[in-house]
């Protein structure tokens, strides 16, 4: 059962790594909102962490990398740093989790070291979950609040992009991965550390005390010989 959980955790970990890299690279964190009296939309605007893209009617998409990070709003600046940190954490968590599985001989036959390694990997997955959900939710909250703000011009309003939805799904995968690893660690910690533990109290394994009791030695009867029977 533990081997299956470890394989499942590794598969989900690779999915989480793919998701974090994808949402970091996608330019669709914020997209243009189709509102107002204009029926024909002349252009699409995409805004990401590293570039913004524009596509006019009949013209292919053109993207431009941000010339300076200071021109970005605070939520995108924080998202850029946190998403890079999240990718690093997921990579480290994958390596540590792989070393802690029974299929690898990184820690030898030391089950205690493998359990500790798995616990560290699970904590890193939970930390990467936090570093991913914070920027994704922050940007999503900013987009929603600006969309319903009457003081913001219609041309400056944006909608939730596909990168945010992929980000929320990736957060769920990272959270589930960390929980699976920590649950597997908690179930097998006592068993792996002391495989001969049976749960019996130590008092029952001791030799019964003879203090305070009379020990009567059995002696053969002298009134009858061995060949005499009643």
Protein backbone atom coordinates (compact mmCIF):
# COMPACT_ATOMS: atom_id res chain seq x y z
CA UNK A 1 0.00 0.00 0.00
CA UNK A 2 2.82 2.36 0.83
CA UNK A 3 4.52 1.75 -2.52
CA UNK A 4 1.32 2.73 -4.33
CA UNK A 5 1.02 5.93 -2.33
CA UNK A 6 4.64 6.81 -3.08
CA UNK A 7 4.13 6.26 -6.82
CA UNK A 8 0.94 8.33 -6.73
CA UNK A 9 2.77 11.12 -4.91
CA UNK A 10 5.55 11.13 -7.52
CA UNK A 11 3.05 11.29 -10.40
CA UNK A 12 1.14 14.13 -8.76
CA UNK A 13 4.44 15.86 -8.03
CA UNK A 14 5.40 15.86 -11.71
CA UNK A 15 1.94 17.19 -12.56
CA UNK A 16 2.41 19.95 -10.01
CA UNK A 17 5.80 20.86 -11.49
CA UNK A 18 4.32 20.97 -14.99
CA UNK A 19 1.48 23.16 -13.74
CA UNK A 20 3.70 25.67 -11.95
CA UNK A 21 6.00 26.02 -14.97
CA UNK A 22 3.00 26.41 -17.28
CA UNK A 23 1.24 29.14 -15.32
CA UNK A 24 4.52 31.00 -14.82
CA UNK A 25 5.17 31.08 -18.56
CA UNK A 26 1.62 31.72 -19.79
CA UNK A 27 0.77 35.36 -20.65
CA UNK A 28 -2.93 34.87 -19.89
CA UNK A 29 -3.05 35.96 -16.27
CA UNK A 30 -5.28 38.89 -17.19
CA UNK A 31 -7.17 39.19 -20.47
CA UNK A 32 -9.20 41.99 -22.01
CA UNK A 33 -12.82 42.25 -20.89
CA UNK A 34 -15.45 42.41 -23.63
CA UNK A 35 -17.78 44.97 -22.13
CA UNK A 36 -19.38 48.19 -23.28
CA UNK A 37 -21.51 49.11 -26.23
CA UNK A 38 -19.07 47.86 -28.90
CA UNK A 39 -20.28 44.63 -30.47
CA UNK A 40 -17.21 44.07 -32.68
CA UNK A 41 -14.05 43.47 -30.71
CA UNK A 42 -11.05 44.85 -32.57
CA UNK A 43 -8.26 43.56 -30.37
CA UNK A 44 -7.43 41.07 -27.63
CA UNK A 45 -5.05 41.94 -24.81
CA UNK A 46 -3.23 39.40 -22.67
CA UNK A 47 -1.08 40.23 -19.65
CA UNK A 48 1.30 37.80 -18.01
CA UNK A 49 4.24 37.83 -15.63
CA UNK A 50 6.89 38.30 -18.29
CA UNK A 51 5.15 39.80 -21.33
CA UNK A 52 1.93 41.20 -22.70
CA UNK A 53 0.38 40.18 -25.99
CA UNK A 54 -1.99 41.89 -28.40
CA UNK A 55 -3.91 40.55 -31.35
CA UNK A 56 -5.86 42.83 -33.64
CA UNK A 57 -8.51 41.75 -36.14
CA UNK A 58 -6.87 39.91 -39.04
CA UNK A 59 -3.36 40.14 -37.48
CA UNK A 60 -1.56 37.38 -35.66
CA UNK A 61 -0.64 37.65 -32.02
CA UNK A 62 2.26 39.92 -31.13
CA UNK A 63 3.96 39.72 -27.74
CA UNK A 64 6.41 42.07 -26.07
CA UNK A 65 8.54 41.39 -23.02
CA UNK A 66 8.28 43.93 -20.22
CA UNK A 67 11.15 46.36 -20.39
CA UNK A 68 11.19 46.95 -16.66
CA UNK A 69 9.73 45.11 -13.68
CA UNK A 70 8.89 48.40 -11.99
CA UNK A 71 6.13 49.14 -14.49
CA UNK A 72 4.19 46.10 -13.29
CA UNK A 73 1.52 46.41 -10.59
CA UNK A 74 2.47 45.08 -7.14
CA UNK A 75 0.49 41.85 -7.48
CA UNK A 76 2.31 40.87 -10.68
CA UNK A 77 5.70 41.73 -9.20
CA UNK A 78 4.99 39.53 -6.18
CA UNK A 79 3.57 36.79 -8.43
CA UNK A 80 6.74 36.71 -10.51
CA UNK A 81 8.95 36.16 -7.45
CA UNK A 82 6.65 33.70 -5.70
CA UNK A 83 6.08 31.56 -8.79
CA UNK A 84 9.82 31.23 -9.39
CA UNK A 85 10.19 30.19 -5.75
CA UNK A 86 7.35 27.70 -6.16
CA UNK A 87 9.07 26.02 -9.11
CA UNK A 88 12.29 25.64 -7.10
CA UNK A 89 10.39 24.19 -4.13
CA UNK A 90 8.56 21.63 -6.28
CA UNK A 91 11.81 20.51 -7.92
CA UNK A 92 13.49 20.05 -4.53
CA UNK A 93 10.42 18.27 -3.16
CA UNK A 94 10.45 15.85 -6.11
CA UNK A 95 14.11 15.02 -5.58
CA UNK A 96 13.73 14.54 -1.82
CA UNK A 97 10.56 12.48 -2.20
CA UNK A 98 12.23 10.28 -4.80
CA UNK A 99 15.16 9.65 -2.46
CA UNK A 100 12.77 8.74 0.35
CA UNK A 101 10.84 6.10 -1.57
CA UNK A 102 11.60 2.42 -1.12
CA UNK A 103 12.34 2.00 -4.81
CA UNK A 104 15.52 4.09 -4.46
CA UNK A 105 18.56 3.08 -2.42
CA UNK A 106 19.61 6.60 -1.50
CA UNK A 107 19.28 6.04 2.26
CA UNK A 108 20.03 2.33 2.12
CA UNK A 109 17.87 0.16 4.35
CA UNK A 110 17.52 2.83 7.03
CA UNK A 111 13.73 3.14 7.21
CA UNK A 112 13.91 5.94 9.75
CA UNK A 113 15.95 8.09 7.37
CA UNK A 114 13.55 7.34 4.51
CA UNK A 115 10.57 8.36 6.65
CA UNK A 116 12.26 11.61 7.65
CA UNK A 117 13.10 12.33 4.01
CA UNK A 118 9.48 11.75 3.00
CA UNK A 119 8.27 14.06 5.74
CA UNK A 120 10.57 16.84 4.52
CA UNK A 121 9.33 16.34 0.95
CA UNK A 122 5.70 16.55 2.08
CA UNK A 123 6.37 19.80 3.95
CA UNK A 124 8.02 21.27 0.85
CA UNK A 125 4.96 20.39 -1.22
CA UNK A 126 2.73 22.20 1.25
CA UNK A 127 5.07 25.19 1.17
CA UNK A 128 4.96 25.25 -2.63
CA UNK A 129 1.18 25.14 -2.39
CA UNK A 130 1.27 28.35 -0.33
CA UNK A 131 3.72 30.09 -2.67
CA UNK A 132 1.45 29.24 -5.61
CA UNK A 133 -1.99 30.00 -4.24
CA UNK A 134 -1.00 33.38 -2.82
CA UNK A 135 -0.05 35.07 -6.14
CA UNK A 136 -2.80 33.34 -8.12
CA UNK A 137 -5.51 34.36 -5.65
CA UNK A 138 -4.07 37.86 -5.23
CA UNK A 139 -4.13 38.54 -8.97
CA UNK A 140 -7.61 37.02 -9.27
CA UNK A 141 -8.94 39.18 -6.43
CA UNK A 142 -7.45 42.31 -8.02
CA UNK A 143 -9.01 41.51 -11.39
CA UNK A 144 -12.45 40.94 -9.87
CA UNK A 145 -12.34 44.07 -7.70
CA UNK A 146 -11.25 46.25 -10.64
CA UNK A 147 -13.91 44.74 -12.87
CA UNK A 148 -16.72 45.79 -10.53
CA UNK A 149 -15.14 49.14 -9.60
CA UNK A 150 -17.13 51.94 -11.29
CA UNK A 151 -14.13 54.27 -11.07
CA UNK A 152 -12.04 52.08 -13.39
CA UNK A 153 -12.44 52.84 -17.09
CA UNK A 154 -13.91 50.08 -19.26
CA UNK A 155 -10.77 49.97 -21.38
CA UNK A 156 -8.66 49.19 -18.27
CA UNK A 157 -10.84 46.41 -16.94
CA UNK A 158 -9.67 42.84 -17.30
CA UNK A 159 -11.06 39.34 -16.86
CA UNK A 160 -9.65 36.18 -15.30
CA UNK A 161 -7.27 34.44 -17.69
CA UNK A 162 -6.75 30.73 -18.22
CA UNK A 163 -3.46 30.82 -16.29
CA UNK A 164 -5.34 31.59 -13.08
CA UNK A 165 -7.65 28.60 -13.44
CA UNK A 166 -4.69 26.33 -14.19
CA UNK A 167 -3.00 27.83 -11.15
CA UNK A 168 -5.89 26.96 -8.83
CA UNK A 169 -5.95 23.41 -10.17
CA UNK A 170 -2.19 23.14 -9.64
CA UNK A 171 -2.59 24.35 -6.06
CA UNK A 172 -5.03 21.52 -5.43
CA UNK A 173 -2.58 18.97 -6.84
CA UNK A 174 0.27 20.25 -4.67
CA UNK A 175 -1.92 20.22 -1.56
CA UNK A 176 -3.10 16.65 -2.20
CA UNK A 177 0.48 15.51 -2.85
CA UNK A 178 1.73 16.93 0.43
CA UNK A 179 -1.16 15.41 2.38
CA UNK A 180 -0.63 11.97 0.82
CA UNK A 181 3.06 11.97 1.72
CA UNK A 182 2.49 13.13 5.31
CA UNK A 183 -0.33 10.62 5.85
CA UNK A 184 1.89 7.82 4.56
CA UNK A 185 4.67 9.00 6.86
CA UNK A 186 2.44 9.13 9.95
CA UNK A 187 1.02 5.65 9.35
CA UNK A 188 4.36 3.91 8.94
CA UNK A 189 6.53 5.87 11.36
CA UNK A 190 6.06 3.62 14.40
CA UNK A 191 6.04 0.44 12.35
CA UNK A 192 9.27 1.24 10.51
CA UNK A 193 11.16 2.45 13.55
CA UNK A 194 10.36 -0.68 15.63
CA UNK A 195 9.20 -3.57 13.42
CA UNK A 196 9.13 -5.96 16.45
CA UNK A 197 6.73 -3.83 18.42
CA UNK A 198 3.56 -5.80 19.21
CA UNK A 199 1.76 -3.35 21.43
CA UNK A 200 2.06 -5.58 24.56
CA UNK A 201 2.95 -3.75 27.77
CA UNK A 202 6.39 -4.33 29.17
CA UNK A 203 4.98 -5.43 32.53
CA UNK A 204 3.40 -8.52 30.97
CA UNK A 205 6.74 -9.57 29.48
CA UNK A 206 8.57 -9.59 32.80
CA UNK A 207 9.07 -12.69 34.95
CA UNK A 208 6.41 -12.96 37.63
CA UNK A 209 7.67 -11.90 41.03
CA UNK A 210 7.88 -14.57 43.75
CA UNK A 211 8.29 -12.15 46.61
CA UNK A 212 5.81 -12.70 49.42
CA UNK A 213 4.78 -16.17 48.25
CA UNK A 214 5.80 -19.54 49.65
CA UNK A 215 7.56 -21.92 47.32
CA UNK A 216 6.81 -25.51 48.17
CA UNK A 217 9.16 -28.09 46.79
CA UNK A 218 7.53 -31.31 45.76
CA UNK A 219 9.08 -34.30 47.46
CA UNK A 220 8.32 -37.93 46.76
CA UNK A 221 6.22 -39.76 49.31
CA UNK A 222 8.15 -42.12 51.65
CA UNK A 223 5.18 -44.18 52.74
CA UNK A 224 4.98 -46.02 49.45
CA UNK A 225 7.60 -47.32 47.19
CA UNK A 226 7.60 -46.76 43.49
CA UNK A 227 6.28 -50.29 42.82
CA UNK A 228 3.39 -50.03 45.27
CA UNK A 229 0.01 -48.72 44.21
CA UNK A 230 -3.22 -48.28 46.04
